[in-house]
Every structure is written in C-alpha cells, then in structure tokens.
Amino acid sequence: MMTNTIAYAVHLLFNFLQYAILIDVILSWIMPGKENSFTAILHIFTEPFMRPGRILQEKIMPGQMLDFSPILALVIIWVLQVIVNALLGALL
C-alpha cells in the first residue's frame, strides 16, 4: 500500500513537470515576452530543466532561432524518472 502511494506520487510529480514544460512552450508561442504570475510560477518549476538545454544549445549552435531546450528537458525528466523508478523498485 505504502509503496504504491510513493510510486504514484513520484509518477504524478514527473507528469506535472512534463506538462509544465509543454504549457511553458505553448505559452511562449501564444504570449511571447508576456510575464504574469502564472508564467512566473511555471518558470520556477521548468527553468532548472530548461537551462542546461539552453546552455548546451548556445555552445553547439550559437544564435539559433529555435529553442530545443524543451526537448532536452523532457529527456532529462525521462532519465530521472527511469532512475528514480529503478531506485524505488529496489528499495521498496
């Protein structure tokens, strides 16, 4: 019972992060440059995952018009999810 609850909570957390990134991307197309309290809160959650992609993209392809950091952020979240699920499976 407890293991299912923990695993489900972790699953919800990773889903939340994935949806937050997708919402952030869509809002950047709909309202570019607009900042409000919702987008500020959204950036608090998404920026730690998006920043490594932006840094890497700037080093590999400086001045690129398209931002590929959401793709890398989703890959990072997926890798973390696999690692955490494996650890939870081993511990619980």
N, C-alpha and C. Protein backbone atom coordinates (compact mmCIF):
# COMPACT_ATOMS: atom_id res chain seq x y z
N MET A 1 0.82 -1.20 0.00
CA MET A 1 0.00 0.00 0.00
C MET A 1 0.87 1.26 0.00
N MET A 2 1.83 1.32 0.92
CA MET A 2 2.69 2.49 1.01
C MET A 2 3.57 2.61 -0.24
N THR A 3 4.04 1.49 -0.76
CA THR A 3 4.89 1.53 -1.95
C THR A 3 4.12 2.05 -3.15
N ASN A 4 2.87 1.65 -3.28
CA ASN A 4 2.05 2.15 -4.38
C ASN A 4 1.82 3.65 -4.26
N THR A 5 1.62 4.14 -3.05
CA THR A 5 1.39 5.56 -2.83
C THR A 5 2.62 6.37 -3.18
N ILE A 6 3.79 5.92 -2.77
CA ILE A 6 5.03 6.63 -3.07
C ILE A 6 5.30 6.61 -4.57
N ALA A 7 5.14 5.45 -5.18
CA ALA A 7 5.37 5.33 -6.62
C ALA A 7 4.40 6.22 -7.40
N TYR A 8 3.15 6.27 -6.96
CA TYR A 8 2.16 7.10 -7.64
C TYR A 8 2.47 8.58 -7.47
N ALA A 9 2.92 8.99 -6.29
CA ALA A 9 3.29 10.39 -6.05
C ALA A 9 4.47 10.80 -6.93
N VAL A 10 5.44 9.92 -7.06
CA VAL A 10 6.59 10.20 -7.93
C VAL A 10 6.14 10.29 -9.38
N HIS A 11 5.26 9.40 -9.77
CA HIS A 11 4.71 9.42 -11.13
C HIS A 11 3.99 10.74 -11.40
N LEU A 12 3.18 11.19 -10.45
CA LEU A 12 2.47 12.47 -10.60
C LEU A 12 3.43 13.64 -10.69
N LEU A 13 4.50 13.62 -9.91
CA LEU A 13 5.49 14.70 -9.95
C LEU A 13 6.13 14.80 -11.33
N PHE A 14 6.55 13.68 -11.88
CA PHE A 14 7.18 13.70 -13.20
C PHE A 14 6.18 14.11 -14.29
N ASN A 15 4.94 13.66 -14.18
CA ASN A 15 3.91 14.09 -15.14
C ASN A 15 3.68 15.59 -15.05
N PHE A 16 3.63 16.12 -13.83
CA PHE A 16 3.45 17.55 -13.63
C PHE A 16 4.58 18.32 -14.32
N LEU A 17 5.82 17.87 -14.15
CA LEU A 17 6.95 18.55 -14.77
C LEU A 17 6.87 18.51 -16.29
N GLN A 18 6.47 17.37 -16.84
CA GLN A 18 6.35 17.26 -18.29
C GLN A 18 5.27 18.19 -18.83
N TYR A 19 4.12 18.21 -18.18
CA TYR A 19 3.05 19.10 -18.62
C TYR A 19 3.41 20.57 -18.42
N ALA A 20 4.14 20.88 -17.36
CA ALA A 20 4.56 22.26 -17.13
C ALA A 20 5.47 22.74 -18.25
N ILE A 21 6.36 21.88 -18.72
CA ILE A 21 7.23 22.25 -19.83
C ILE A 21 6.42 22.46 -21.10
N LEU A 22 5.48 21.57 -21.37
CA LEU A 22 4.65 21.72 -22.57
C LEU A 22 3.80 23.00 -22.51
N ILE A 23 3.26 23.31 -21.35
CA ILE A 23 2.48 24.55 -21.19
C ILE A 23 3.39 25.76 -21.37
N ASP A 24 4.60 25.69 -20.83
CA ASP A 24 5.56 26.78 -20.98
C ASP A 24 5.88 27.03 -22.45
N VAL A 25 6.07 25.96 -23.21
CA VAL A 25 6.35 26.08 -24.64
C VAL A 25 5.17 26.72 -25.37
N ILE A 26 3.97 26.23 -25.10
CA ILE A 26 2.78 26.76 -25.77
C ILE A 26 2.58 28.23 -25.42
N LEU A 27 2.77 28.59 -24.15
CA LEU A 27 2.61 29.99 -23.76
C LEU A 27 3.66 30.88 -24.41
N SER A 28 4.85 30.34 -24.66
CA SER A 28 5.88 31.14 -25.32
C SER A 28 5.50 31.44 -26.77
N TRP A 29 4.68 30.59 -27.38
CA TRP A 29 4.20 30.85 -28.73
C TRP A 29 3.02 31.82 -28.72
N ILE A 30 2.13 31.65 -27.74
CA ILE A 30 0.91 32.46 -27.68
C ILE A 30 1.18 33.86 -27.15
N MET A 31 1.94 33.94 -26.07
CA MET A 31 2.21 35.22 -25.41
C MET A 31 3.72 35.44 -25.27
N PRO A 32 4.43 35.62 -26.38
CA PRO A 32 5.88 35.80 -26.24
C PRO A 32 6.21 37.11 -25.53
N GLY A 33 7.09 37.01 -24.56
CA GLY A 33 7.54 38.19 -23.83
C GLY A 33 6.60 38.67 -22.75
N LYS A 34 5.44 38.07 -22.62
CA LYS A 34 4.49 38.49 -21.57
C LYS A 34 4.79 37.71 -20.31
N GLU A 35 4.87 38.41 -19.22
CA GLU A 35 5.17 37.79 -17.93
C GLU A 35 4.04 38.13 -16.97
N ASN A 36 3.46 37.11 -16.36
CA ASN A 36 2.46 37.32 -15.32
C ASN A 36 2.75 36.34 -14.19
N SER A 37 1.91 36.34 -13.18
CA SER A 37 2.20 35.49 -12.01
C SER A 37 2.16 34.00 -12.36
N PHE A 38 1.27 33.61 -13.28
CA PHE A 38 1.20 32.19 -13.66
C PHE A 38 2.47 31.75 -14.37
N THR A 39 2.92 32.54 -15.35
CA THR A 39 4.14 32.16 -16.07
C THR A 39 5.36 32.24 -15.17
N ALA A 40 5.36 33.16 -14.21
CA ALA A 40 6.49 33.24 -13.28
C ALA A 40 6.57 31.98 -12.42
N ILE A 41 5.44 31.51 -11.94
CA ILE A 41 5.42 30.27 -11.16
C ILE A 41 5.81 29.08 -12.03
N LEU A 42 5.31 29.07 -13.26
CA LEU A 42 5.64 27.99 -14.19
C LEU A 42 7.15 27.94 -14.45
N HIS A 43 7.77 29.11 -14.60
CA HIS A 43 9.22 29.16 -14.84
C HIS A 43 10.02 28.68 -13.63
N ILE A 44 9.49 28.84 -12.44
CA ILE A 44 10.18 28.34 -11.25
C ILE A 44 10.36 26.82 -11.35
N PHE A 45 9.35 26.14 -11.87
CA PHE A 45 9.42 24.68 -11.99
C PHE A 45 10.18 24.23 -13.24
N THR A 46 10.03 24.95 -14.34
CA THR A 46 10.61 24.47 -15.60
C THR A 46 12.04 24.92 -15.84
N GLU A 47 12.42 26.07 -15.35
CA GLU A 47 13.75 26.62 -15.66
C GLU A 47 14.91 25.72 -15.25
N PRO A 48 14.88 25.04 -14.10
CA PRO A 48 16.01 24.16 -13.77
C PRO A 48 16.22 23.03 -14.79
N PHE A 49 15.17 22.65 -15.50
CA PHE A 49 15.30 21.60 -16.52
C PHE A 49 15.60 22.18 -17.90
N MET A 50 15.18 23.41 -18.14
CA MET A 50 15.38 24.05 -19.44
C MET A 50 16.77 24.69 -19.57
N ARG A 51 17.31 25.19 -18.47
CA ARG A 51 18.58 25.90 -18.52
C ARG A 51 19.73 25.07 -19.09
N PRO A 52 19.92 23.79 -18.69
CA PRO A 52 21.03 23.02 -19.28
C PRO A 52 20.90 22.90 -20.80
N GLY A 53 19.69 22.77 -21.30
CA GLY A 53 19.49 22.68 -22.75
C GLY A 53 19.83 23.98 -23.45
N ARG A 54 19.49 25.10 -22.84
CA ARG A 54 19.81 26.40 -23.44
C ARG A 54 21.31 26.63 -23.46
N ILE A 55 21.98 26.26 -22.38
CA ILE A 55 23.44 26.41 -22.32
C ILE A 55 24.10 25.54 -23.37
N LEU A 56 23.68 24.29 -23.46
CA LEU A 56 24.24 23.36 -24.45
C LEU A 56 23.96 23.84 -25.87
N GLN A 57 22.76 24.29 -26.13
CA GLN A 57 22.41 24.77 -27.46
C GLN A 57 23.24 25.99 -27.83
N GLU A 58 23.47 26.89 -26.89
CA GLU A 58 24.25 28.09 -27.18
C GLU A 58 25.71 27.74 -27.49
N LYS A 59 26.22 26.68 -26.86
CA LYS A 59 27.60 26.26 -27.14
C LYS A 59 27.70 25.56 -28.50
N ILE A 60 26.71 24.72 -28.83
CA ILE A 60 26.77 23.95 -30.07
C ILE A 60 26.32 24.79 -31.27
N MET A 61 25.20 25.50 -31.12
CA MET A 61 24.63 26.28 -32.22
C MET A 61 24.33 27.70 -31.75
N PRO A 62 25.35 28.54 -31.63
CA PRO A 62 25.10 29.91 -31.14
C PRO A 62 24.23 30.70 -32.13
N GLY A 63 23.32 31.46 -31.57
CA GLY A 63 22.45 32.31 -32.38
C GLY A 63 21.29 31.59 -33.05
N GLN A 64 21.05 30.37 -32.70
CA GLN A 64 19.95 29.58 -33.28
C GLN A 64 18.61 30.21 -32.91
N MET A 65 17.72 30.33 -33.89
CA MET A 65 16.41 30.94 -33.64
C MET A 65 15.45 30.00 -32.90
N LEU A 66 15.56 28.70 -33.14
CA LEU A 66 14.69 27.74 -32.47
C LEU A 66 15.30 27.32 -31.14
N ASP A 67 14.45 27.16 -30.15
CA ASP A 67 14.90 26.73 -28.82
C ASP A 67 14.60 25.24 -28.66
N PHE A 68 15.65 24.43 -28.63
CA PHE A 68 15.49 22.99 -28.49
C PHE A 68 15.57 22.54 -27.03
N SER A 69 15.68 23.48 -26.10
CA SER A 69 15.83 23.11 -24.70
C SER A 69 14.63 22.34 -24.13
N PRO A 70 13.39 22.56 -24.58
CA PRO A 70 12.30 21.73 -24.05
C PRO A 70 12.47 20.25 -24.37
N ILE A 71 13.02 19.95 -25.53
CA ILE A 71 13.24 18.54 -25.89
C ILE A 71 14.26 17.93 -24.95
N LEU A 72 15.36 18.63 -24.72
CA LEU A 72 16.37 18.12 -23.80
C LEU A 72 15.82 18.03 -22.38
N ALA A 73 15.00 19.00 -21.99
CA ALA A 73 14.40 18.98 -20.65
C ALA A 73 13.51 17.75 -20.47
N LEU A 74 12.73 17.42 -21.49
CA LEU A 74 11.88 16.23 -21.41
C LEU A 74 12.71 14.95 -21.35
N VAL A 75 13.84 14.94 -22.06
CA VAL A 75 14.74 13.78 -21.99
C VAL A 75 15.35 13.67 -20.59
N ILE A 76 15.76 14.80 -20.02
CA ILE A 76 16.32 14.81 -18.66
C ILE A 76 15.29 14.27 -17.66
N ILE A 77 14.06 14.74 -17.78
CA ILE A 77 13.00 14.28 -16.87
C ILE A 77 12.75 12.79 -17.06
N TRP A 78 12.75 12.32 -18.30
CA TRP A 78 12.54 10.90 -18.56
C TRP A 78 13.65 10.06 -17.94
N VAL A 79 14.91 10.50 -18.09
CA VAL A 79 16.04 9.76 -17.50
C VAL A 79 15.92 9.75 -15.98
N LEU A 80 15.60 10.90 -15.39
CA LEU A 80 15.41 10.95 -13.94
C LEU A 80 14.28 10.02 -13.49
N GLN A 81 13.22 9.98 -14.27
CA GLN A 81 12.09 9.11 -13.92
C GLN A 81 12.49 7.65 -13.95
N VAL A 82 13.27 7.25 -14.94
CA VAL A 82 13.73 5.87 -15.02
C VAL A 82 14.63 5.53 -13.83
N ILE A 83 15.53 6.44 -13.50
CA ILE A 83 16.45 6.21 -12.37
C ILE A 83 15.68 6.12 -11.06
N VAL A 84 14.78 7.08 -10.82
CA VAL A 84 14.01 7.09 -9.57
C VAL A 84 13.12 5.86 -9.47
N ASN A 85 12.49 5.47 -10.57
CA ASN A 85 11.65 4.26 -10.53
C ASN A 85 12.48 3.02 -10.24
N ALA A 86 13.68 2.94 -10.80
CA ALA A 86 14.55 1.79 -10.52
C ALA A 86 14.97 1.78 -9.05
N LEU A 87 15.30 2.95 -8.51
CA LEU A 87 15.67 3.04 -7.10
C LEU A 87 14.49 2.69 -6.20
N LEU A 88 13.32 3.19 -6.53
CA LEU A 88 12.14 2.87 -5.74
C LEU A 88 11.82 1.38 -5.80
N GLY A 89 11.99 0.80 -6.97
CA GLY A 89 11.74 -0.63 -7.12
C GLY A 89 12.71 -1.46 -6.30
N ALA A 90 13.95 -0.99 -6.21
CA ALA A 90 14.96 -1.73 -5.44
C ALA A 90 14.77 -1.53 -3.93
N LEU A 91 14.33 -0.34 -3.53
CA LEU A 91 14.21 -0.04 -2.10
C LEU A 91 12.88 -0.52 -1.51
N LEU A 92 11.83 -0.48 -2.31
CA LEU A 92 10.51 -0.79 -1.76
C LEU A 92 10.06 -2.17 -2.09
